[in-house]
């Protein structure tokens, strides 16, 4: 396939809670005239993010049950092949990786798998950086890799830090990756043309960072970080939910890297969508439940040293009283 006909691929990465899904929503609204496929990977057995992406004409493809840079990489290749075999052409593919992903094996997919490399090319590697919380995680492997392999760094939540902290962070990021363009933003509000549309991926820079990129590699995550998903068909009590999340934020915030989900609240006709990062938590009113739609709460927790039984007990406590057992 001639190079001009290859489908560009944007890889969107960043540590847990940096704002990738919010950016994805802004991005999709900005290119609504294009035919785009979105591949979302979740670190766990289910994808909450697919519920958080705004309804658009773009196709959302979920790749779950693991990290896209590890055991589901073959699944990614198969999904790309299926997209390539369709009659309808694509203008772009966007891959939103889990916050625990090392971008290197994902980039490698578009360089070493012959069929994939023939049809697709990496256009951008965009890494979201949580300006408020990144310092807590720089000692861990994944955030450093995500920053190092980016050609665009979107530093999000700058409204939560001082100018001095912003300057210090910019210097640290430049030291870690002097080739990446830095864009500072709040609520992931950025012109899609700043990050997408002009090819900025440069293999020479990436190979300098990791000379083994063009050889087979294996990636291992921090085994202390785990992911748990809870589902509940019975409605939840709003007051109990508020009490439980207040407890989690106050007492467990440091170990909760990311928590998000959709809640079925007894007192409300609309679903509640919530997201949290450490001790920052926010919820919004979502779309109304459809008449024939199954109403269900679904929550995912990702963090270090999490107690699954304690989380399950707290979630069960939130059930509306007349359903309690």
C-alpha atoms as a PDB file:
ATOM      1  CA  UNK A   1       0.000   0.000   0.000  1.00  0.00           C
ATOM      2  CA  UNK A   2       1.446   3.426  -0.926  1.00  0.00           C
ATOM      3  CA  UNK A   3       2.428   5.414   2.124  1.00  0.00           C
ATOM      4  CA  UNK A   4      -0.158   8.131   1.473  1.00  0.00           C
ATOM      5  CA  UNK A   5      -2.912   5.495   1.757  1.00  0.00           C
ATOM      6  CA  UNK A   6      -1.760   4.107   5.084  1.00  0.00           C
ATOM      7  CA  UNK A   7      -4.175   4.755   7.926  1.00  0.00           C
ATOM      8  CA  UNK A   8      -2.660   7.055  10.584  1.00  0.00           C
ATOM      9  CA  UNK A   9      -2.829   5.816  14.162  1.00  0.00           C
ATOM     10  CA  UNK A  10      -2.866   8.045  17.234  1.00  0.00           C
ATOM     11  CA  UNK A  11      -1.730   6.295  20.417  1.00  0.00           C
ATOM     12  CA  UNK A  12      -3.138   8.026  23.493  1.00  0.00           C
ATOM     13  CA  UNK A  13      -1.454   7.035  26.727  1.00  0.00           C
ATOM     14  CA  UNK A  14      -0.833   8.423  30.207  1.00  0.00           C
ATOM     15  CA  UNK A  15      -0.903   7.166  33.779  1.00  0.00           C
ATOM     16  CA  UNK A  16      -4.133   6.368  35.580  1.00  0.00           C
ATOM     17  CA  UNK A  17      -6.461   9.351  35.923  1.00  0.00           C
ATOM     18  CA  UNK A  18      -4.496  11.778  33.764  1.00  0.00           C
ATOM     19  CA  UNK A  19      -7.541  12.642  31.627  1.00  0.00           C
ATOM     20  CA  UNK A  20      -7.236  10.415  28.548  1.00  0.00           C
ATOM     21  CA  UNK A  21     -10.964   9.732  28.138  1.00  0.00           C
ATOM     22  CA  UNK A  22     -11.819  13.421  28.586  1.00  0.00           C
ATOM     23  CA  UNK A  23      -9.300  14.288  25.889  1.00  0.00           C
ATOM     24  CA  UNK A  24     -10.703  11.544  23.663  1.00  0.00           C
ATOM     25  CA  UNK A  25     -14.185  13.051  23.952  1.00  0.00           C
ATOM     26  CA  UNK A  26     -12.872  16.505  22.964  1.00  0.00           C
ATOM     27  CA  UNK A  27     -10.906  14.991  20.112  1.00  0.00           C
ATOM     28  CA  UNK A  28     -13.862  13.079  18.661  1.00  0.00           C
ATOM     29  CA  UNK A  29     -16.038  16.197  18.713  1.00  0.00           C
ATOM     30  CA  UNK A  30     -13.314  18.070  16.820  1.00  0.00           C
ATOM     31  CA  UNK A  31     -13.054  15.551  13.968  1.00  0.00           C
ATOM     32  CA  UNK A  32     -16.693  14.516  13.613  1.00  0.00           C
ATOM     33  CA  UNK A  33     -16.419  14.761   9.828  1.00  0.00           C
ATOM     34  CA  UNK A  34     -13.869  11.938   9.721  1.00  0.00           C
ATOM     35  CA  UNK A  35     -14.381   8.187   9.750  1.00  0.00           C
ATOM     36  CA  UNK A  36     -12.560   7.139  12.919  1.00  0.00           C
ATOM     37  CA  UNK A  37     -12.256   3.845  14.791  1.00  0.00           C
ATOM     38  CA  UNK A  38     -11.484   4.029  18.522  1.00  0.00           C
ATOM     39  CA  UNK A  39      -9.833   1.141  20.347  1.00  0.00           C
ATOM     40  CA  UNK A  40     -10.110   1.331  24.150  1.00  0.00           C
ATOM     41  CA  UNK A  41      -8.059  -0.893  26.441  1.00  0.00           C
ATOM     42  CA  UNK A  42      -8.882  -1.336  30.133  1.00  0.00           C
ATOM     43  CA  UNK A  43      -6.655  -2.787  32.855  1.00  0.00           C
ATOM     44  CA  UNK A  44      -9.208  -5.355  33.992  1.00  0.00           C
ATOM     45  CA  UNK A  45     -11.983  -7.609  32.775  1.00  0.00           C
ATOM     46  CA  UNK A  46     -14.411  -4.874  31.787  1.00  0.00           C
ATOM     47  CA  UNK A  47     -14.266  -1.430  30.232  1.00  0.00           C
ATOM     48  CA  UNK A  48     -15.831   1.462  32.112  1.00  0.00           C
ATOM     49  CA  UNK A  49     -14.300   3.908  29.637  1.00  0.00           C
ATOM     50  CA  UNK A  50     -16.654   2.824  26.858  1.00  0.00           C
ATOM     51  CA  UNK A  51     -19.506   4.180  29.035  1.00  0.00           C
ATOM     52  CA  UNK A  52     -17.666   7.467  29.538  1.00  0.00           C
ATOM     53  CA  UNK A  53     -17.018   8.204  25.875  1.00  0.00           C
ATOM     54  CA  UNK A  54     -19.700  10.501  24.473  1.00  0.00           C
ATOM     55  CA  UNK A  55     -22.020   8.926  21.847  1.00  0.00           C
ATOM     56  CA  UNK A  56     -20.607   9.654  18.380  1.00  0.00           C
ATOM     57  CA  UNK A  57     -20.620   8.039  14.982  1.00  0.00           C
ATOM     58  CA  UNK A  58     -17.153   6.645  15.670  1.00  0.00           C
ATOM     59  CA  UNK A  59     -16.920   2.926  16.329  1.00  0.00           C
ATOM     60  CA  UNK A  60     -15.759   1.987  19.814  1.00  0.00           C
ATOM     61  CA  UNK A  61     -13.834  -1.296  20.054  1.00  0.00           C
ATOM     62  CA  UNK A  62     -13.007  -2.679  23.488  1.00  0.00           C
ATOM     63  CA  UNK A  63      -9.891  -4.737  24.215  1.00  0.00           C
ATOM     64  CA  UNK A  64     -10.120  -5.932  27.821  1.00  0.00           C
ATOM     65  CA  UNK A  65      -8.870  -8.686  30.150  1.00  0.00           C
ATOM     66  CA  UNK A  66      -5.379  -7.296  30.320  1.00  0.00           C
ATOM     67  CA  UNK A  67      -3.029  -4.553  29.239  1.00  0.00           C
ATOM     68  CA  UNK A  68      -2.764  -3.863  25.527  1.00  0.00           C
ATOM     69  CA  UNK A  69       1.035  -3.979  25.741  1.00  0.00           C
ATOM     70  CA  UNK A  70       0.993  -7.475  27.239  1.00  0.00           C
ATOM     71  CA  UNK A  71      -1.300 -10.459  26.835  1.00  0.00           C
ATOM     72  CA  UNK A  72      -3.898  -8.816  24.588  1.00  0.00           C
ATOM     73  CA  UNK A  73      -1.442  -7.512  21.989  1.00  0.00           C
ATOM     74  CA  UNK A  74      -2.422 -10.352  19.631  1.00  0.00           C
ATOM     75  CA  UNK A  75      -6.023  -9.266  20.075  1.00  0.00           C
ATOM     76  CA  UNK A  76      -5.038  -5.740  19.039  1.00  0.00           C
ATOM     77  CA  UNK A  77      -3.418  -7.055  15.861  1.00  0.00           C
ATOM     78  CA  UNK A  78      -6.545  -9.088  15.038  1.00  0.00           C
ATOM     79  CA  UNK A  79      -8.796  -6.051  15.566  1.00  0.00           C
ATOM     80  CA  UNK A  80      -6.589  -3.983  13.254  1.00  0.00           C
ATOM     81  CA  UNK A  81      -6.693  -6.694  10.596  1.00  0.00           C
ATOM     82  CA  UNK A  82     -10.483  -6.839  10.819  1.00  0.00           C
ATOM     83  CA  UNK A  83     -10.669  -3.061  10.348  1.00  0.00           C
ATOM     84  CA  UNK A  84      -8.319  -3.274   7.378  1.00  0.00           C
ATOM     85  CA  UNK A  85     -10.485  -5.888   5.644  1.00  0.00           C
ATOM     86  CA  UNK A  86     -13.579  -3.687   5.602  1.00  0.00           C
ATOM     87  CA  UNK A  87     -14.746  -2.066   2.403  1.00  0.00           C
ATOM     88  CA  UNK A  88     -15.269   1.297   4.097  1.00  0.00           C
ATOM     89  CA  UNK A  89     -11.998   3.175   4.433  1.00  0.00           C
ATOM     90  CA  UNK A  90     -10.842   4.751   7.686  1.00  0.00           C
ATOM     91  CA  UNK A  91      -9.408   8.227   8.099  1.00  0.00           C
ATOM     92  CA  UNK A  92      -7.788   7.464  11.461  1.00  0.00           C
ATOM     93  CA  UNK A  93      -7.543   5.009  14.337  1.00  0.00           C
ATOM     94  CA  UNK A  94      -7.221   6.205  17.932  1.00  0.00           C
ATOM     95  CA  UNK A  95      -5.935   3.768  20.560  1.00  0.00           C
ATOM     96  CA  UNK A  96      -6.542   4.719  24.193  1.00  0.00           C
ATOM     97  CA  UNK A  97      -4.309   2.504  26.290  1.00  0.00           C
ATOM     98  CA  UNK A  98      -4.786   1.584  29.910  1.00  0.00           C
ATOM     99  CA  UNK A  99      -2.955   3.793  32.373  1.00  0.00           C
ATOM    100  CA  UNK A 100      -0.654   0.858  33.131  1.00  0.00           C
ATOM    101  CA  UNK A 101       0.575   0.466  29.541  1.00  0.00           C
ATOM    102  CA  UNK A 102       4.116   0.835  28.290  1.00  0.00           C
ATOM    103  CA  UNK A 103       3.702   2.436  24.832  1.00  0.00           C
ATOM    104  CA  UNK A 104       6.787   0.704  23.415  1.00  0.00           C
ATOM    105  CA  UNK A 105       5.159  -2.691  22.590  1.00  0.00           C
ATOM    106  CA  UNK A 106       2.143  -0.886  21.121  1.00  0.00           C
ATOM    107  CA  UNK A 107       4.434   1.199  18.883  1.00  0.00           C
ATOM    108  CA  UNK A 108       6.320  -1.986  18.088  1.00  0.00           C
ATOM    109  CA  UNK A 109       3.107  -3.537  16.742  1.00  0.00           C
ATOM    110  CA  UNK A 110       3.054  -0.987  13.907  1.00  0.00           C
ATOM    111  CA  UNK A 111       6.714  -1.588  13.074  1.00  0.00           C
ATOM    112  CA  UNK A 112       7.251  -5.340  13.331  1.00  0.00           C
ATOM    113  CA  UNK A 113       3.961  -7.019  12.395  1.00  0.00           C
ATOM    114  CA  UNK A 114       4.249  -7.044   8.584  1.00  0.00           C
ATOM    115  CA  UNK A 115       0.555  -6.809   7.744  1.00  0.00           C
ATOM    116  CA  UNK A 116      -0.059  -4.089  10.319  1.00  0.00           C
ATOM    117  CA  UNK A 117       3.023  -2.113   9.228  1.00  0.00           C
ATOM    118  CA  UNK A 118       1.866  -2.344   5.609  1.00  0.00           C
ATOM    119  CA  UNK A 119      -1.545  -0.783   6.309  1.00  0.00           C
ATOM    120  CA  UNK A 120      -1.111   1.477   9.348  1.00  0.00           C
ATOM    121  CA  UNK A 121       1.479   3.936  10.600  1.00  0.00           C
ATOM    122  CA  UNK A 122       2.031   5.573  13.969  1.00  0.00           C
ATOM    123  CA  UNK A 123       1.184   9.224  13.557  1.00  0.00           C
ATOM    124  CA  UNK A 124       1.385  10.468  17.146  1.00  0.00           C
ATOM    125  CA  UNK A 125       2.111   9.141  20.595  1.00  0.00           C
ATOM    126  CA  UNK A 126       0.291  11.519  22.934  1.00  0.00           C
ATOM    127  CA  UNK A 127       0.949  11.162  26.648  1.00  0.00           C
ATOM    128  CA  UNK A 128      -1.367  12.824  29.164  1.00  0.00           C
ATOM    129  CA  UNK A 129       0.414  13.984  32.313  1.00  0.00           C
ATOM    130  CA  UNK A 130      -1.510  14.643  35.527  1.00  0.00           C
ATOM    131  CA  UNK A 131       0.175  17.836  36.744  1.00  0.00           C
ATOM    132  CA  UNK A 132      -1.251  17.394  40.256  1.00  0.00           C
ATOM    133  CA  UNK A 133      -0.344  13.757  40.915  1.00  0.00           C
ATOM    134  CA  UNK A 134       2.507  12.825  38.544  1.00  0.00           C
ATOM    135  CA  UNK A 135       5.202  13.399  41.174  1.00  0.00           C
ATOM    136  CA  UNK A 136       3.717  10.571  43.264  1.00  0.00           C
ATOM    137  CA  UNK A 137       4.283   8.111  40.413  1.00  0.00           C
ATOM    138  CA  UNK A 138       7.486   9.146  38.631  1.00  0.00           C
ATOM    139  CA  UNK A 139       9.450   6.528  40.557  1.00  0.00           C
ATOM    140  CA  UNK A 140       7.254   3.823  39.029  1.00  0.00           C
ATOM    141  CA  UNK A 141       8.122   2.265  35.695  1.00  0.00           C
ATOM    142  CA  UNK A 142       5.021   2.948  33.610  1.00  0.00           C
ATOM    143  CA  UNK A 143       4.721   6.769  33.884  1.00  0.00           C
ATOM    144  CA  UNK A 144       8.383   7.209  32.990  1.00  0.00           C
ATOM    145  CA  UNK A 145       8.005   5.024  29.912  1.00  0.00           C
ATOM    146  CA  UNK A 146       4.871   6.845  28.810  1.00  0.00           C
ATOM    147  CA  UNK A 147       6.606  10.217  29.060  1.00  0.00           C
ATOM    148  CA  UNK A 148       9.801   9.028  27.383  1.00  0.00           C
ATOM    149  CA  UNK A 149       8.080   7.592  24.299  1.00  0.00           C
ATOM    150  CA  UNK A 150       5.731  10.543  23.664  1.00  0.00           C
ATOM    151  CA  UNK A 151       6.122  13.038  20.865  1.00  0.00           C
ATOM    152  CA  UNK A 152       3.371  15.206  22.388  1.00  0.00           C
ATOM    153  CA  UNK A 153       3.039  15.738  26.150  1.00  0.00           C
ATOM    154  CA  UNK A 154      -0.321  17.142  27.264  1.00  0.00           C
ATOM    155  CA  UNK A 155       0.154  18.383  30.824  1.00  0.00           C
ATOM    156  CA  UNK A 156      -3.371  18.378  32.256  1.00  0.00           C
ATOM    157  CA  UNK A 157      -4.860  19.859  35.474  1.00  0.00           C
ATOM    158  CA  UNK A 158      -2.445  22.800  35.566  1.00  0.00           C
ATOM    159  CA  UNK A 159      -5.121  24.761  37.427  1.00  0.00           C
ATOM    160  CA  UNK A 160      -4.318  22.595  40.458  1.00  0.00           C
ATOM    161  CA  UNK A 161      -0.645  23.597  40.713  1.00  0.00           C
ATOM    162  CA  UNK A 162       1.275  26.859  41.199  1.00  0.00           C
ATOM    163  CA  UNK A 163       3.388  28.592  38.556  1.00  0.00           C
ATOM    164  CA  UNK A 164       6.549  27.474  40.346  1.00  0.00           C
ATOM    165  CA  UNK A 165       5.331  23.859  40.370  1.00  0.00           C
ATOM    166  CA  UNK A 166       4.461  24.159  36.681  1.00  0.00           C
ATOM    167  CA  UNK A 167       7.964  25.406  35.821  1.00  0.00           C
ATOM    168  CA  UNK A 168       9.564  22.667  37.887  1.00  0.00           C
ATOM    169  CA  UNK A 169       7.425  20.021  36.193  1.00  0.00           C
ATOM    170  CA  UNK A 170       8.227  21.396  32.734  1.00  0.00           C
ATOM    171  CA  UNK A 171      11.943  21.176  33.452  1.00  0.00           C
ATOM    172  CA  UNK A 172      11.622  17.594  34.716  1.00  0.00           C
ATOM    173  CA  UNK A 173       9.618  16.548  31.652  1.00  0.00           C
ATOM    174  CA  UNK A 174      12.146  18.197  29.337  1.00  0.00           C
ATOM    175  CA  UNK A 175      14.911  16.272  31.075  1.00  0.00           C
ATOM    176  CA  UNK A 176      12.977  13.024  30.615  1.00  0.00           C
ATOM    177  CA  UNK A 177      12.007  13.713  27.001  1.00  0.00           C
ATOM    178  CA  UNK A 178      13.603  16.744  25.296  1.00  0.00           C
ATOM    179  CA  UNK A 179      12.030  15.910  21.909  1.00  0.00           C
ATOM    180  CA  UNK A 180       8.354  16.045  22.925  1.00  0.00           C
ATOM    181  CA  UNK A 181       6.169  19.082  22.384  1.00  0.00           C
ATOM    182  CA  UNK A 182       4.669  20.254  25.705  1.00  0.00           C
ATOM    183  CA  UNK A 183       1.093  21.561  25.803  1.00  0.00           C
ATOM    184  CA  UNK A 184      -0.433  22.767  29.088  1.00  0.00           C
ATOM    185  CA  UNK A 185      -4.156  22.411  29.605  1.00  0.00           C
ATOM    186  CA  UNK A 186      -7.056  22.192  32.052  1.00  0.00           C
ATOM    187  CA  UNK A 187      -9.891  19.656  31.789  1.00  0.00           C
ATOM    188  CA  UNK A 188      -8.075  18.269  28.708  1.00  0.00           C
ATOM    189  CA  UNK A 189      -9.275  21.278  26.691  1.00  0.00           C
ATOM    190  CA  UNK A 190      -6.952  21.446  23.709  1.00  0.00           C
ATOM    191  CA  UNK A 191      -7.326  22.135  20.011  1.00  0.00           C
ATOM    192  CA  UNK A 192      -7.191  18.726  18.326  1.00  0.00           C
ATOM    193  CA  UNK A 193      -4.965  20.257  15.638  1.00  0.00           C
ATOM    194  CA  UNK A 194      -2.269  20.863  18.270  1.00  0.00           C
ATOM    195  CA  UNK A 195      -1.847  17.148  18.802  1.00  0.00           C
ATOM    196  CA  UNK A 196      -3.330  15.462  15.763  1.00  0.00           C
ATOM    197  CA  UNK A 197      -3.125  16.010  12.027  1.00  0.00           C
ATOM    198  CA  UNK A 198       0.570  16.802  11.602  1.00  0.00           C
ATOM    199  CA  UNK A 199       2.675  13.661  11.850  1.00  0.00           C
ATOM    200  CA  UNK A 200       5.140  14.031  14.705  1.00  0.00           C
ATOM    201  CA  UNK A 201       6.164  10.433  15.466  1.00  0.00           C
ATOM    202  CA  UNK A 202       9.890  10.038  14.822  1.00  0.00           C
ATOM    203  CA  UNK A 203      11.306   6.530  14.989  1.00  0.00           C
ATOM    204  CA  UNK A 204      14.887   7.812  15.343  1.00  0.00           C
ATOM    205  CA  UNK A 205      14.039   9.548  18.620  1.00  0.00           C
ATOM    206  CA  UNK A 206      12.216   6.496  19.946  1.00  0.00           C
ATOM    207  CA  UNK A 207      15.070   4.121  19.112  1.00  0.00           C
ATOM    208  CA  UNK A 208      17.455   6.435  20.990  1.00  0.00           C
ATOM    209  CA  UNK A 209      15.260   5.956  24.066  1.00  0.00           C
ATOM    210  CA  UNK A 210      14.999   2.176  23.618  1.00  0.00           C
ATOM    211  CA  UNK A 211      17.463   0.540  21.200  1.00  0.00           C
ATOM    212  CA  UNK A 212      15.623  -2.789  21.708  1.00  0.00           C
ATOM    213  CA  UNK A 213      12.362  -1.430  20.294  1.00  0.00           C
ATOM    214  CA  UNK A 214      12.766  -3.356  17.032  1.00  0.00           C
ATOM    215  CA  UNK A 215      13.264  -6.658  18.861  1.00  0.00           C
ATOM    216  CA  UNK A 216      10.670  -8.714  20.710  1.00  0.00           C
ATOM    217  CA  UNK A 217      10.100  -7.544  24.267  1.00  0.00           C
ATOM    218  CA  UNK A 218       8.091  -8.477  27.322  1.00  0.00           C
ATOM    219  CA  UNK A 219       6.603  -5.972  29.734  1.00  0.00           C
ATOM    220  CA  UNK A 220       5.916  -6.635  33.413  1.00  0.00           C
ATOM    221  CA  UNK A 221       3.750  -4.428  35.576  1.00  0.00           C
ATOM    222  CA  UNK A 222       4.093  -3.531  39.208  1.00  0.00           C
ATOM    223  CA  UNK A 223       2.514  -6.589  40.839  1.00  0.00           C
ATOM    224  CA  UNK A 224       1.349  -4.472  43.780  1.00  0.00           C
ATOM    225  CA  UNK A 225      -1.086  -2.652  41.490  1.00  0.00           C
ATOM    226  CA  UNK A 226      -4.366  -4.500  41.052  1.00  0.00           C
ATOM    227  CA  UNK A 227      -7.742  -3.883  39.442  1.00  0.00           C
ATOM    228  CA  UNK A 228     -11.164  -4.923  40.785  1.00  0.00           C
ATOM    229  CA  UNK A 229     -14.554  -4.568  39.112  1.00  0.00           C
ATOM    230  CA  UNK A 230     -17.884  -4.673  40.973  1.00  0.00           C
ATOM    231  CA  UNK A 231     -21.381  -4.845  39.490  1.00  0.00           C
ATOM    232  CA  UNK A 232     -24.758  -4.486  41.191  1.00  0.00           C
ATOM    233  CA  UNK A 233     -28.233  -4.873  39.664  1.00  0.00           C
ATOM    234  CA  UNK A 234     -30.114  -3.499  42.669  1.00  0.00           C
ATOM    235  CA  UNK A 235     -30.422   0.285  43.014  1.00  0.00           C
ATOM    236  CA  UNK A 236     -28.092   2.132  45.360  1.00  0.00           C
ATOM    237  CA  UNK A 237     -28.975   4.670  48.033  1.00  0.00           C
ATOM    238  CA  UNK A 238     -27.570   8.124  47.290  1.00  0.00           C
ATOM    239  CA  UNK A 239     -26.749   9.008  50.905  1.00  0.00           C
ATOM    240  CA  UNK A 240     -24.960   5.708  51.461  1.00  0.00           C
ATOM    241  CA  UNK A 241     -22.979   6.165  48.242  1.00  0.00           C
ATOM    242  CA  UNK A 242     -21.900   9.652  49.332  1.00  0.00           C
ATOM    243  CA  UNK A 243     -20.833   8.356  52.751  1.00  0.00           C
ATOM    244  CA  UNK A 244     -18.862   5.488  51.228  1.00  0.00           C
ATOM    245  CA  UNK A 245     -16.996   7.658  48.743  1.00  0.00           C
ATOM    246  CA  UNK A 246     -16.237  10.222  51.446  1.00  0.00           C
ATOM    247  CA  UNK A 247     -14.640   7.396  53.446  1.00  0.00           C
ATOM    248  CA  UNK A 248     -12.681   6.117  50.430  1.00  0.00           C
ATOM    249  CA  UNK A 249     -11.346   9.544  49.496  1.00  0.00           C
ATOM    250  CA  UNK A 250     -10.328  10.390  53.074  1.00  0.00           C
ATOM    251  CA  UNK A 251      -8.844   7.069  54.193  1.00  0.00           C
ATOM    252  CA  UNK A 252      -7.899   5.231  50.979  1.00  0.00           C
ATOM    253  CA  UNK A 253      -7.128   8.080  48.591  1.00  0.00           C
ATOM    254  CA  UNK A 254      -3.369   7.594  48.586  1.00  0.00           C
ATOM    255  CA  UNK A 255      -3.621   3.960  47.475  1.00  0.00           C
ATOM    256  CA  UNK A 256      -6.491   4.490  45.004  1.00  0.00           C
ATOM    257  CA  UNK A 257      -4.788   5.424  41.757  1.00  0.00           C
ATOM    258  CA  UNK A 258      -8.016   5.429  39.749  1.00  0.00           C
ATOM    259  CA  UNK A 259     -11.688   4.689  40.402  1.00  0.00           C
ATOM    260  CA  UNK A 260     -14.544   5.267  38.020  1.00  0.00           C
ATOM    261  CA  UNK A 261     -17.921   3.928  37.067  1.00  0.00           C
ATOM    262  CA  UNK A 262     -21.627   4.254  36.380  1.00  0.00           C
ATOM    263  CA  UNK A 263     -24.157   4.138  39.240  1.00  0.00           C
ATOM    264  CA  UNK A 264     -27.811   3.119  39.320  1.00  0.00           C
ATOM    265  CA  UNK A 265     -29.253   5.333  42.089  1.00  0.00           C
ATOM    266  CA  UNK A 266     -32.701   4.609  43.514  1.00  0.00           C
ATOM    267  CA  UNK A 267     -33.666   8.278  43.864  1.00  0.00           C
ATOM    268  CA  UNK A 268     -32.625   9.286  40.320  1.00  0.00           C
ATOM    269  CA  UNK A 269     -33.955   8.579  36.836  1.00  0.00           C
ATOM    270  CA  UNK A 270     -30.581   9.253  35.239  1.00  0.00           C
ATOM    271  CA  UNK A 271     -27.385   7.298  35.681  1.00  0.00           C
ATOM    272  CA  UNK A 272     -24.573   8.876  37.693  1.00  0.00           C
ATOM    273  CA  UNK A 273     -21.084   8.854  36.169  1.00  0.00           C
ATOM    274  CA  UNK A 274     -18.152   9.290  38.548  1.00  0.00           C
ATOM    275  CA  UNK A 275     -14.376   9.432  38.313  1.00  0.00           C
ATOM    276  CA  UNK A 276     -11.681   9.726  40.937  1.00  0.00           C
ATOM    277  CA  UNK A 277      -7.902  10.029  41.167  1.00  0.00           C
ATOM    278  CA  UNK A 278      -6.395   9.631  44.623  1.00  0.00           C
ATOM    279  CA  UNK A 279      -8.219  12.217  46.778  1.00  0.00           C
ATOM    280  CA  UNK A 280      -9.840  14.088  43.881  1.00  0.00           C
ATOM    281  CA  UNK A 281     -13.362  12.882  43.121  1.00  0.00           C
ATOM    282  CA  UNK A 282     -16.137  14.141  40.853  1.00  0.00           C
ATOM    283  CA  UNK A 283     -19.527  12.872  39.721  1.00  0.00           C
ATOM    284  CA  UNK A 284     -21.900  14.066  37.017  1.00  0.00           C
ATOM    285  CA  UNK A 285     -25.420  13.320  35.896  1.00  0.00           C
ATOM    286  CA  UNK A 286     -25.326  10.986  32.918  1.00  0.00           C
ATOM    287  CA  UNK A 287     -27.861  10.048  30.256  1.00  0.00           C
ATOM    288  CA  UNK A 288     -31.325   8.806  31.293  1.00  0.00           C
ATOM    289  CA  UNK A 289     -31.773   5.055  31.491  1.00  0.00           C
ATOM    290  CA  UNK A 290     -33.520   3.783  28.358  1.00  0.00           C
ATOM    291  CA  UNK A 291     -36.888   2.081  28.823  1.00  0.00           C
ATOM    292  CA  UNK A 292     -35.695  -1.420  27.942  1.00  0.00           C
ATOM    293  CA  UNK A 293     -32.150  -0.945  29.225  1.00  0.00           C
ATOM    294  CA  UNK A 294     -30.908  -3.032  32.106  1.00  0.00           C
ATOM    295  CA  UNK A 295     -30.096  -0.720  35.006  1.00  0.00           C
ATOM    296  CA  UNK A 296     -26.857  -1.685  36.666  1.00  0.00           C
ATOM    297  CA  UNK A 297     -24.068  -0.104  38.688  1.00  0.00           C
ATOM    298  CA  UNK A 298     -20.532  -0.897  37.593  1.00  0.00           C
ATOM    299  CA  UNK A 299     -17.361   0.297  39.335  1.00  0.00           C
ATOM    300  CA  UNK A 300     -13.673  -0.293  38.704  1.00  0.00           C
ATOM    301  CA  UNK A 301     -10.913   0.353  41.241  1.00  0.00           C
ATOM    302  CA  UNK A 302      -7.216   0.420  40.313  1.00  0.00           C
ATOM    303  CA  UNK A 303      -4.596   0.931  42.965  1.00  0.00           C
ATOM    304  CA  UNK A 304      -1.860  -0.430  45.195  1.00  0.00           C
ATOM    305  CA  UNK A 305      -2.445  -2.884  48.041  1.00  0.00           C
ATOM    306  CA  UNK A 306      -6.230  -2.815  47.543  1.00  0.00           C
ATOM    307  CA  UNK A 307      -8.403  -4.978  49.794  1.00  0.00           C
ATOM    308  CA  UNK A 308     -11.007  -6.576  47.528  1.00  0.00           C
ATOM    309  CA  UNK A 309     -13.181  -7.845  50.396  1.00  0.00           C
ATOM    310  CA  UNK A 310     -13.285  -4.426  52.053  1.00  0.00           C
ATOM    311  CA  UNK A 311     -14.254  -2.732  48.779  1.00  0.00           C
ATOM    312  CA  UNK A 312     -16.933  -5.337  48.091  1.00  0.00           C
ATOM    313  CA  UNK A 313     -18.363  -4.887  51.582  1.00  0.00           C
ATOM    314  CA  UNK A 314     -18.517  -1.120  51.143  1.00  0.00           C
ATOM    315  CA  UNK A 315     -20.217  -1.442  47.766  1.00  0.00           C
ATOM    316  CA  UNK A 316     -22.779  -3.862  49.212  1.00  0.00           C
ATOM    317  CA  UNK A 317     -23.468  -1.367  52.025  1.00  0.00           C
ATOM    318  CA  UNK A 318     -24.609   1.169  49.403  1.00  0.00           C
ATOM    319  CA  UNK A 319     -27.583  -0.907  48.264  1.00  0.00           C
ATOM    320  CA  UNK A 320     -30.954   0.679  48.887  1.00  0.00           C
ATOM    321  CA  UNK A 321     -32.256  -0.523  52.247  1.00  0.00           C
ATOM    322  CA  UNK A 322     -35.312  -2.381  51.024  1.00  0.00           C
ATOM    323  CA  UNK A 323     -33.015  -4.618  48.957  1.00  0.00           C
ATOM    324  CA  UNK A 324     -30.456  -5.162  51.723  1.00  0.00           C
ATOM    325  CA  UNK A 325     -29.836  -8.706  52.884  1.00  0.00           C
END
